[in-house]
C-alpha atoms as a PDB file:
ATOM      1  CA  MET A   1       0.069  -0.113  -0.143  1.00  0.00           C
ATOM      2  CA  SER A   2       1.269   3.395  -0.635  1.00  0.00           C
ATOM      3  CA  GLU A   3       1.588   6.196   1.859  1.00  0.00           C
ATOM      4  CA  HIS A   4       0.822   9.754   1.180  1.00  0.00           C
ATOM      5  CA  GLY A   5       4.076  11.432   2.533  1.00  0.00           C
ATOM      6  CA  THR A   6       6.946   9.599   0.853  1.00  0.00           C
ATOM      7  CA  GLU A   7       7.846   9.721  -2.574  1.00  0.00           C
ATOM      8  CA  SER A   8       8.207   6.357  -4.757  1.00  0.00           C
ATOM      9  CA  HIS A   9      10.840   7.607  -7.320  1.00  0.00           C
ATOM     10  CA  GLY A  10      13.092   9.476  -4.684  1.00  0.00           C
ATOM     11  CA  HIS A  11      12.284  12.828  -6.411  1.00  0.00           C
ATOM     12  CA  GLU A  12      11.226  16.094  -4.463  1.00  0.00           C
ATOM     13  CA  SER A  13       7.347  16.520  -4.192  1.00  0.00           C
ATOM     14  CA  GLU A  14       5.694  17.821  -7.333  1.00  0.00           C
ATOM     15  CA  ASP A  15       4.797  21.118  -5.464  1.00  0.00           C
ATOM     16  CA  GLN A  16       8.237  22.323  -5.852  1.00  0.00           C
ATOM     17  CA  ILE A  17       8.768  25.268  -8.191  1.00  0.00           C
ATOM     18  CA  ASP A  18      12.105  25.286 -10.377  1.00  0.00           C
ATOM     19  CA  TYR A  19      12.891  28.826  -9.947  1.00  0.00           C
ATOM     20  CA  ARG A  20      16.009  28.577 -12.479  1.00  0.00           C
ATOM     21  CA  LYS A  21      13.347  27.810 -15.180  1.00  0.00           C
ATOM     22  CA  VAL A  22      11.108  30.682 -14.178  1.00  0.00           C
ATOM     23  CA  ILE A  23      14.090  32.968 -14.192  1.00  0.00           C
ATOM     24  CA  ALA A  24      15.301  31.814 -17.587  1.00  0.00           C
ATOM     25  CA  VAL A  25      11.910  32.343 -19.129  1.00  0.00           C
ATOM     26  CA  GLY A  26      11.658  35.856 -17.788  1.00  0.00           C
ATOM     27  CA  VAL A  27      15.163  36.886 -18.866  1.00  0.00           C
ATOM     28  CA  VAL A  28      14.538  35.583 -22.447  1.00  0.00           C
ATOM     29  CA  SER A  29      11.227  37.522 -22.487  1.00  0.00           C
ATOM     30  CA  LEU A  30      12.965  40.614 -21.399  1.00  0.00           C
ATOM     31  CA  VAL A  31      15.841  40.177 -23.828  1.00  0.00           C
ATOM     32  CA  THR A  32      13.276  39.652 -26.529  1.00  0.00           C
ATOM     33  CA  PHE A  33      11.054  42.659 -25.615  1.00  0.00           C
ATOM     34  CA  ALA A  34      14.449  44.924 -25.609  1.00  0.00           C
ATOM     35  CA  VAL A  35      15.315  43.570 -29.126  1.00  0.00           C
ATOM     36  CA  ALA A  36      11.779  44.178 -30.498  1.00  0.00           C
ATOM     37  CA  SER A  37      11.738  47.533 -29.049  1.00  0.00           C
ATOM     38  CA  TRP A  38      15.226  48.724 -30.620  1.00  0.00           C
ATOM     39  CA  TRP A  39      14.273  47.313 -33.935  1.00  0.00           C
ATOM     40  CA  ALA A  40      10.974  49.144 -33.749  1.00  0.00           C
ATOM     41  CA  VAL A  41      12.897  52.463 -33.021  1.00  0.00           C
ATOM     42  CA  SER A  42      15.453  52.020 -35.639  1.00  0.00           C
ATOM     43  CA  ILE A  43      12.576  51.568 -38.077  1.00  0.00           C
ATOM     44  CA  LEU A  44      10.864  54.679 -37.001  1.00  0.00           C
ATOM     45  CA  HIS A  45      14.091  56.866 -37.368  1.00  0.00           C
ATOM     46  CA  SER A  46      14.791  55.300 -40.976  1.00  0.00           C
ATOM     47  CA  GLU A  47      11.312  56.183 -42.014  1.00  0.00           C
ATOM     48  CA  ARG A  48      11.503  59.872 -40.594  1.00  0.00           C
ATOM     49  CA  ALA A  49      14.735  60.127 -42.522  1.00  0.00           C
ATOM     50  CA  GLN A  50      13.263  59.426 -45.760  1.00  0.00           C
ATOM     51  CA  LEU A  51      10.168  61.658 -45.077  1.00  0.00           C
ATOM     52  CA  LYS A  52      12.416  64.663 -44.195  1.00  0.00           C
ATOM     53  CA  GLY A  53      12.756  66.071 -47.692  1.00  0.00           C
ATOM     54  CA  ARG A  54       9.366  64.785 -48.974  1.00  0.00           C
ATOM     55  CA  GLU A  55       6.156  67.029 -49.463  1.00  0.00           C
ATOM     56  CA  GLU A  56       4.240  64.272 -47.539  1.00  0.00           C
ATOM     57  CA  GLY A  57       5.966  65.051 -44.392  1.00  0.00           C
ATOM     58  CA  ARG A  58       5.150  68.900 -44.400  1.00  0.00           C
ATOM     59  CA  PRO A  59       1.886  70.188 -43.370  1.00  0.00           C
ATOM     60  CA  GLY A  60      -0.603  70.382 -46.170  1.00  0.00           C
ATOM     61  CA  SER A  61      -2.069  73.473 -47.788  1.00  0.00           C
ATOM     62  CA  GLU A  62      -5.405  72.502 -46.621  1.00  0.00           C
ATOM     63  CA  LEU A  63      -4.837  73.450 -42.968  1.00  0.00           C
ATOM     64  CA  GLY A  64      -7.173  75.936 -41.512  1.00  0.00           C
ATOM     65  CA  LYS A  65      -9.824  74.956 -43.946  1.00  0.00           C
ATOM     66  CA  ALA A  66     -13.362  74.385 -42.693  1.00  0.00           C
ATOM     67  CA  GLU A  67     -13.532  71.099 -44.278  1.00  0.00           C
ATOM     68  CA  ILE A  68     -10.796  68.659 -45.230  1.00  0.00           C
ATOM     69  CA  GLY A  69     -11.917  65.543 -47.168  1.00  0.00           C
ATOM     70  CA  ILE A  70     -15.344  64.919 -45.601  1.00  0.00           C
ATOM     71  CA  VAL A  71     -14.328  65.791 -41.972  1.00  0.00           C
ATOM     72  CA  ASP A  72     -15.365  69.040 -40.493  1.00  0.00           C
ATOM     73  CA  GLN A  73     -12.453  71.038 -38.946  1.00  0.00           C
ATOM     74  CA  VAL A  74     -14.524  73.803 -37.450  1.00  0.00           C
ATOM     75  CA  PRO A  75     -14.555  74.048 -33.740  1.00  0.00           C
ATOM     76  CA  PHE A  76     -18.303  73.780 -32.634  1.00  0.00           C
ATOM     77  CA  ALA A  77     -18.179  77.294 -31.041  1.00  0.00           C
ATOM     78  CA  GLU A  78     -17.092  78.891 -34.093  1.00  0.00           C
ATOM     79  CA  ASP A  79     -19.421  76.840 -36.654  1.00  0.00           C
ATOM     80  CA  LYS A  80     -22.096  79.335 -37.953  1.00  0.00           C
ATOM     81  CA  ARG A  81     -23.113  77.103 -40.940  1.00  0.00           C
ATOM     82  CA  LEU A  82     -26.297  75.880 -39.206  1.00  0.00           C
ATOM     83  CA  ASP A  83     -27.460  79.564 -38.509  1.00  0.00           C
ATOM     84  CA  VAL A  84     -26.759  80.416 -42.254  1.00  0.00           C
ATOM     85  CA  TRP A  85     -28.709  77.457 -43.324  1.00  0.00           C
ATOM     86  CA  ARG A  86     -31.699  78.144 -41.077  1.00  0.00           C
ATOM     87  CA  ALA A  87     -31.615  81.867 -42.161  1.00  0.00           C
ATOM     88  CA  GLU A  88     -31.582  80.838 -45.806  1.00  0.00           C
ATOM     89  CA  HIS A  89     -34.725  78.586 -45.299  1.00  0.00           C
ATOM     90  CA  VAL A  90     -36.592  80.898 -43.308  1.00  0.00           C
ATOM     91  CA  ALA A  91     -36.034  83.639 -45.843  1.00  0.00           C
ATOM     92  CA  TRP A  92     -37.216  81.127 -48.488  1.00  0.00           C
ATOM     93  CA  LEU A  93     -40.197  80.066 -46.652  1.00  0.00           C
ATOM     94  CA  ASN A  94     -41.325  83.692 -45.655  1.00  0.00           C
ATOM     95  CA  GLY A  95     -40.535  85.440 -49.013  1.00  0.00           C
ATOM     96  CA  TYR A  96     -41.576  85.320 -52.625  1.00  0.00           C
ATOM     97  CA  ASN A  97     -39.431  83.414 -54.842  1.00  0.00           C
ATOM     98  CA  TRP A  98     -39.354  81.818 -58.493  1.00  0.00           C
ATOM     99  CA  VAL A  99     -39.820  78.196 -58.738  1.00  0.00           C
ATOM    100  CA  ASP A 100     -40.474  78.291 -62.819  1.00  0.00           C
ATOM    101  CA  ARG A 101     -40.085  81.725 -64.289  1.00  0.00           C
ATOM    102  CA  ALA A 102     -41.128  80.293 -67.777  1.00  0.00           C
ATOM    103  CA  HIS A 103     -44.391  78.999 -66.286  1.00  0.00           C
ATOM    104  CA  GLY A 104     -45.000  81.883 -63.931  1.00  0.00           C
ATOM    105  CA  ILE A 105     -44.790  79.610 -60.760  1.00  0.00           C
ATOM    106  CA  VAL A 106     -43.714  81.327 -57.467  1.00  0.00           C
ATOM    107  CA  THR A 107     -43.536  80.593 -53.748  1.00  0.00           C
ATOM    108  CA  MET A 108     -45.273  82.959 -51.186  1.00  0.00           C
ATOM    109  CA  PRO A 109     -44.816  83.165 -47.545  1.00  0.00           C
ATOM    110  CA  ILE A 110     -45.892  80.030 -45.808  1.00  0.00           C
ATOM    111  CA  GLU A 111     -48.111  81.561 -43.369  1.00  0.00           C
ATOM    112  CA  ARG A 112     -50.031  83.322 -46.348  1.00  0.00           C
ATOM    113  CA  ALA A 113     -50.136  80.202 -48.490  1.00  0.00           C
ATOM    114  CA  MET A 114     -51.917  78.304 -45.434  1.00  0.00           C
ATOM    115  CA  ASP A 115     -54.249  81.079 -44.772  1.00  0.00           C
ATOM    116  CA  ALA A 116     -55.219  81.162 -48.308  1.00  0.00           C
ATOM    117  CA  LEU A 117     -55.559  77.328 -48.486  1.00  0.00           C
ATOM    118  CA  VAL A 118     -57.752  77.288 -45.509  1.00  0.00           C
ATOM    119  CA  ALA A 119     -60.039  80.126 -46.960  1.00  0.00           C
ATOM    120  CA  GLY A 120     -60.530  77.833 -50.174  1.00  0.00           C
ATOM    121  CA  ALA A 121     -58.068  79.168 -52.608  1.00  0.00           C
ATOM    122  CA  VAL A 122     -56.737  76.016 -54.259  1.00  0.00           C
ATOM    123  CA  PRO A 123     -53.918  76.430 -56.754  1.00  0.00           C
ATOM    124  CA  PRO A 124     -54.520  74.625 -60.200  1.00  0.00           C
ATOM    125  CA  PRO A 125     -52.821  71.079 -60.390  1.00  0.00           C
ATOM    126  CA  PRO A 126     -49.569  70.977 -62.113  1.00  0.00           C
ATOM    127  CA  ALA A 127     -49.397  70.249 -65.694  1.00  0.00           C
ATOM    128  CA  SER A 128     -47.229  67.338 -65.360  1.00  0.00           C
ATOM    129  CA  SER A 129     -49.757  65.402 -63.116  1.00  0.00           C
ATOM    130  CA  GLY A 130     -51.826  64.271 -66.003  1.00  0.00           C
ATOM    131  CA  ALA A 131     -54.969  66.007 -64.600  1.00  0.00           C
ATOM    132  CA  THR A 132     -57.325  67.821 -66.811  1.00  0.00           C
ATOM    133  CA  SER A 133     -58.105  71.574 -65.931  1.00  0.00           C
ATOM    134  CA  GLY A 134     -61.929  70.445 -65.791  1.00  0.00           C
ATOM    135  CA  THR A 135     -61.509  67.769 -62.816  1.00  0.00           C
ATOM    136  CA  ALA A 136     -61.514  68.627 -59.070  1.00  0.00           C
ATOM    137  CA  PRO A 137     -58.250  68.568 -57.364  1.00  0.00           C
ATOM    138  CA  ALA A 138     -57.221  65.336 -55.650  1.00  0.00           C
ATOM    139  CA  HIS A 139     -56.583  66.990 -51.922  1.00  0.00           C
ATOM    140  CA  GLY A 140     -60.387  67.705 -51.411  1.00  0.00           C
ATOM    141  CA  GLY A 141     -60.502  71.237 -52.117  1.00  0.00           C
ATOM    142  CA  GLY A 142     -64.184  71.103 -53.247  1.00  0.00           C
ATOM    143  CA  GLU A 143     -67.447  72.981 -52.700  1.00  0.00           C
ATOM    144  CA  LYS A 144     -68.676  73.562 -49.155  1.00  0.00           C
END
């Protein structure tokens, strides 16, 4: 029968750690890391030396522009494009503008157009819709 305290092969117990192997693995890892770091730095320096005289290494002529490629470069506090866009659209909605000068189609202020629509003034259907001039409009603007 076997006893738990003794070893049958004469070796130390399996719970003992061989510190020489652990230290060897650590030293090899550190040396590998140091060599890889040195190699990466040497590649970086050689690439910088190649780019020193080239145009790609210099700041581009697009610096300071509001948009480079598809990326907006304007700080939020200085960006007034939305205000300009809103002002243009409010002016378009609240003014008279030509839609088609050849056919005499203009826009009118939206408030006045809504009031006219409520009062019963219905514009004629567009010529391209295929409706004839004798038919009633499709949006229910008939008699009361």
